[in-house]
Amino acid sequence: MNDLTRPERLQIMLTQEELAALDDWRFARRMPSRAAAVRELLKRGLEAEGVQLAEGNMRSRDFGVVDSPMRATGGATKDDSDR
């Protein structure tokens, strides 16, 4: 992701304590910037919550809620006829 452009800007307000914690975490890991540290923490937080991060080659259809046989075959399944 480091090679991609980032066209969106996100501004956040932090308390002095939050900023100090961010900087301490960043410096301990020798991260190049606050932005890089925030992106890494965001990524880790989303992964911890079970959010699948998109890869560059994924399509919107790859983000279904459930993987049903109907999606795979494009037709009705035996279970669908019972509903």
N, C-alpha and C. Protein backbone atom coordinates (compact mmCIF):
# COMPACT_ATOMS: atom_id res chain seq x y z
N MET A 1 0.82 -1.19 0.00
CA MET A 1 0.00 0.00 0.00
C MET A 1 0.86 1.26 0.00
N ASN A 2 2.11 1.15 0.34
CA ASN A 2 2.96 2.33 0.40
C ASN A 2 3.18 2.97 -0.96
N ASP A 3 3.04 2.19 -2.06
CA ASP A 3 3.26 2.71 -3.39
C ASP A 3 2.03 3.40 -3.97
N LEU A 4 0.89 3.26 -3.34
CA LEU A 4 -0.35 3.83 -3.86
C LEU A 4 -0.50 5.28 -3.42
N THR A 5 -1.16 6.06 -4.25
CA THR A 5 -1.47 7.42 -3.84
C THR A 5 -2.63 7.38 -2.86
N ARG A 6 -2.72 8.38 -2.04
CA ARG A 6 -3.78 8.46 -1.04
C ARG A 6 -4.58 9.73 -1.29
N PRO A 7 -5.64 9.63 -2.08
CA PRO A 7 -6.38 10.84 -2.46
C PRO A 7 -7.31 11.38 -1.37
N GLU A 8 -7.54 10.63 -0.32
CA GLU A 8 -8.46 11.09 0.73
C GLU A 8 -7.69 11.57 1.95
N ARG A 9 -8.15 12.66 2.52
CA ARG A 9 -7.53 13.21 3.73
C ARG A 9 -8.50 13.03 4.89
N LEU A 10 -7.96 12.62 6.03
CA LEU A 10 -8.76 12.45 7.24
C LEU A 10 -8.10 13.24 8.35
N GLN A 11 -8.83 14.19 8.89
CA GLN A 11 -8.30 14.98 10.00
C GLN A 11 -8.96 14.52 11.29
N ILE A 12 -8.15 14.37 12.33
CA ILE A 12 -8.69 14.01 13.64
C ILE A 12 -8.09 14.93 14.70
N MET A 13 -8.84 15.11 15.74
CA MET A 13 -8.37 15.90 16.87
C MET A 13 -7.99 14.93 17.99
N LEU A 14 -6.83 15.15 18.62
CA LEU A 14 -6.36 14.31 19.70
C LEU A 14 -6.06 15.15 20.93
N THR A 15 -6.21 14.54 22.08
CA THR A 15 -5.77 15.20 23.32
C THR A 15 -4.25 15.10 23.38
N GLN A 16 -3.65 15.84 24.26
CA GLN A 16 -2.20 15.77 24.44
C GLN A 16 -1.77 14.35 24.85
N GLU A 17 -2.58 13.72 25.69
CA GLU A 17 -2.26 12.36 26.13
C GLU A 17 -2.33 11.36 24.98
N GLU A 18 -3.35 11.49 24.12
CA GLU A 18 -3.48 10.61 22.96
C GLU A 18 -2.32 10.80 21.99
N LEU A 19 -1.95 12.06 21.78
CA LEU A 19 -0.85 12.35 20.88
C LEU A 19 0.47 11.80 21.44
N ALA A 20 0.66 11.94 22.73
CA ALA A 20 1.88 11.40 23.36
C ALA A 20 1.92 9.88 23.24
N ALA A 21 0.78 9.22 23.44
CA ALA A 21 0.73 7.76 23.31
C ALA A 21 1.03 7.34 21.88
N LEU A 22 0.47 8.07 20.91
CA LEU A 22 0.73 7.78 19.50
C LEU A 22 2.21 7.95 19.18
N ASP A 23 2.78 9.05 19.61
CA ASP A 23 4.20 9.30 19.34
C ASP A 23 5.09 8.27 20.02
N ASP A 24 4.77 7.91 21.25
CA ASP A 24 5.56 6.88 21.95
C ASP A 24 5.52 5.56 21.19
N TRP A 25 4.32 5.17 20.75
CA TRP A 25 4.15 3.92 20.00
C TRP A 25 4.92 4.00 18.69
N ARG A 26 4.78 5.12 18.01
CA ARG A 26 5.47 5.32 16.72
C ARG A 26 6.99 5.26 16.87
N PHE A 27 7.54 5.98 17.83
CA PHE A 27 8.99 6.02 17.99
C PHE A 27 9.55 4.67 18.42
N ALA A 28 8.81 3.93 19.24
CA ALA A 28 9.25 2.61 19.67
C ALA A 28 9.37 1.65 18.49
N ARG A 29 8.61 1.90 17.45
CA ARG A 29 8.60 1.03 16.26
C ARG A 29 9.32 1.67 15.08
N ARG A 30 9.96 2.81 15.33
CA ARG A 30 10.72 3.53 14.30
C ARG A 30 9.89 3.78 13.04
N MET A 31 8.67 4.20 13.23
CA MET A 31 7.79 4.49 12.10
C MET A 31 8.14 5.88 11.55
N PRO A 32 8.03 6.07 10.24
CA PRO A 32 8.50 7.32 9.63
C PRO A 32 7.64 8.56 9.90
N SER A 33 6.37 8.36 10.23
CA SER A 33 5.50 9.53 10.43
C SER A 33 4.32 9.18 11.33
N ARG A 34 3.65 10.21 11.81
CA ARG A 34 2.42 9.99 12.57
C ARG A 34 1.36 9.36 11.68
N ALA A 35 1.29 9.80 10.43
CA ALA A 35 0.30 9.25 9.51
C ALA A 35 0.52 7.74 9.33
N ALA A 36 1.76 7.32 9.17
CA ALA A 36 2.05 5.90 9.02
C ALA A 36 1.64 5.13 10.28
N ALA A 37 1.89 5.72 11.44
CA ALA A 37 1.51 5.07 12.69
C ALA A 37 0.00 4.95 12.82
N VAL A 38 -0.72 6.00 12.45
CA VAL A 38 -2.18 5.97 12.52
C VAL A 38 -2.72 4.93 11.55
N ARG A 39 -2.18 4.87 10.32
CA ARG A 39 -2.63 3.86 9.35
C ARG A 39 -2.38 2.45 9.88
N GLU A 40 -1.22 2.22 10.50
CA GLU A 40 -0.91 0.89 11.02
C GLU A 40 -1.84 0.53 12.18
N LEU A 41 -2.10 1.46 13.07
CA LEU A 41 -3.00 1.20 14.18
C LEU A 41 -4.43 0.96 13.69
N LEU A 42 -4.86 1.71 12.69
CA LEU A 42 -6.18 1.52 12.10
C LEU A 42 -6.28 0.14 11.48
N LYS A 43 -5.27 -0.24 10.71
CA LYS A 43 -5.25 -1.57 10.09
C LYS A 43 -5.32 -2.67 11.15
N ARG A 44 -4.51 -2.54 12.20
CA ARG A 44 -4.51 -3.55 13.27
C ARG A 44 -5.85 -3.61 13.99
N GLY A 45 -6.44 -2.47 14.23
CA GLY A 45 -7.74 -2.44 14.91
C GLY A 45 -8.84 -3.09 14.07
N LEU A 46 -8.85 -2.80 12.78
CA LEU A 46 -9.84 -3.40 11.90
C LEU A 46 -9.65 -4.91 11.80
N GLU A 47 -8.40 -5.35 11.69
CA GLU A 47 -8.13 -6.79 11.63
C GLU A 47 -8.55 -7.47 12.93
N ALA A 48 -8.33 -6.82 14.06
CA ALA A 48 -8.71 -7.39 15.35
C ALA A 48 -10.23 -7.56 15.46
N GLU A 49 -10.97 -6.70 14.76
CA GLU A 49 -12.43 -6.78 14.75
C GLU A 49 -12.94 -7.73 13.67
N GLY A 50 -12.03 -8.34 12.93
CA GLY A 50 -12.42 -9.30 11.91
C GLY A 50 -12.78 -8.69 10.57
N VAL A 51 -12.41 -7.44 10.36
CA VAL A 51 -12.69 -6.78 9.09
C VAL A 51 -11.65 -7.22 8.08
N GLN A 52 -12.11 -7.67 6.92
CA GLN A 52 -11.21 -8.07 5.85
C GLN A 52 -10.80 -6.84 5.06
N LEU A 53 -9.51 -6.60 4.98
CA LEU A 53 -9.02 -5.45 4.23
C LEU A 53 -8.95 -5.79 2.76
N ALA A 54 -9.34 -4.87 1.92
CA ALA A 54 -9.38 -5.10 0.48
C ALA A 54 -7.97 -5.09 -0.10
N GLU A 55 -7.75 -6.01 -1.02
CA GLU A 55 -6.53 -6.00 -1.79
C GLU A 55 -6.83 -5.28 -3.09
N GLY A 56 -5.82 -4.80 -3.76
CA GLY A 56 -6.01 -4.03 -4.97
C GLY A 56 -6.71 -4.77 -6.09
N ASN A 57 -6.64 -6.09 -6.11
CA ASN A 57 -7.22 -6.84 -7.21
C ASN A 57 -8.60 -7.41 -6.88
N MET A 58 -9.19 -7.02 -5.76
CA MET A 58 -10.49 -7.55 -5.37
C MET A 58 -11.61 -6.73 -6.02
N ARG A 59 -12.70 -7.41 -6.31
CA ARG A 59 -13.89 -6.76 -6.88
C ARG A 59 -14.97 -6.65 -5.83
N SER A 60 -15.95 -5.82 -6.07
CA SER A 60 -17.01 -5.63 -5.09
C SER A 60 -17.75 -6.94 -4.83
N ARG A 61 -17.88 -7.80 -5.83
CA ARG A 61 -18.58 -9.06 -5.62
C ARG A 61 -17.83 -10.00 -4.67
N ASP A 62 -16.55 -9.72 -4.40
CA ASP A 62 -15.77 -10.53 -3.48
C ASP A 62 -16.10 -10.23 -2.02
N PHE A 63 -16.95 -9.25 -1.77
CA PHE A 63 -17.28 -8.83 -0.42
C PHE A 63 -18.72 -9.17 -0.06
N GLY A 64 -19.14 -10.38 -0.33
CA GLY A 64 -20.49 -10.81 0.00
C GLY A 64 -20.65 -11.05 1.49
N VAL A 65 -21.88 -10.99 1.94
CA VAL A 65 -22.17 -11.25 3.35
C VAL A 65 -22.05 -12.74 3.65
N VAL A 66 -22.59 -13.56 2.76
CA VAL A 66 -22.49 -15.01 2.91
C VAL A 66 -22.07 -15.61 1.58
N ASP A 67 -21.41 -16.73 1.64
CA ASP A 67 -21.08 -17.46 0.42
C ASP A 67 -22.08 -18.58 0.29
N SER A 68 -23.08 -18.37 -0.53
CA SER A 68 -24.12 -19.37 -0.71
C SER A 68 -23.88 -20.14 -2.00
N PRO A 69 -24.39 -21.35 -2.11
CA PRO A 69 -24.29 -22.09 -3.36
C PRO A 69 -24.93 -21.34 -4.52
N MET A 70 -25.96 -20.53 -4.23
CA MET A 70 -26.64 -19.79 -5.28
C MET A 70 -25.67 -18.79 -5.92
N ARG A 71 -24.87 -18.12 -5.12
CA ARG A 71 -23.90 -17.17 -5.66
C ARG A 71 -22.89 -17.87 -6.53
N ALA A 72 -22.46 -19.06 -6.09
CA ALA A 72 -21.43 -19.78 -6.83
C ALA A 72 -21.95 -20.30 -8.17
N THR A 73 -23.21 -20.77 -8.21
CA THR A 73 -23.75 -21.39 -9.42
C THR A 73 -24.63 -20.45 -10.23
N GLY A 74 -25.11 -19.39 -9.58
CA GLY A 74 -25.99 -18.46 -10.27
C GLY A 74 -27.42 -18.95 -10.35
N GLY A 75 -27.76 -20.00 -9.63
CA GLY A 75 -29.11 -20.54 -9.69
C GLY A 75 -29.63 -20.91 -8.32
N ALA A 76 -30.83 -21.45 -8.29
CA ALA A 76 -31.46 -21.84 -7.03
C ALA A 76 -30.86 -23.14 -6.54
N THR A 77 -30.87 -23.30 -5.24
CA THR A 77 -30.40 -24.54 -4.62
C THR A 77 -31.59 -25.29 -4.06
N LYS A 78 -31.36 -26.51 -3.64
CA LYS A 78 -32.43 -27.31 -3.05
C LYS A 78 -33.00 -26.61 -1.81
N ASP A 79 -32.13 -26.01 -1.00
CA ASP A 79 -32.58 -25.32 0.19
C ASP A 79 -33.48 -24.13 -0.13
N ASP A 80 -33.24 -23.47 -1.26
CA ASP A 80 -34.05 -22.30 -1.63
C ASP A 80 -35.49 -22.70 -1.94
N SER A 81 -35.72 -23.92 -2.44
CA SER A 81 -37.08 -24.33 -2.80
C SER A 81 -37.94 -24.59 -1.57
N ASP A 82 -37.31 -24.81 -0.41
CA ASP A 82 -38.03 -25.08 0.82
C ASP A 82 -38.51 -23.79 1.50
N ARG A 83 -38.04 -22.65 1.05
CA ARG A 83 -38.35 -21.37 1.75
C ARG A 83 -39.55 -20.71 1.18
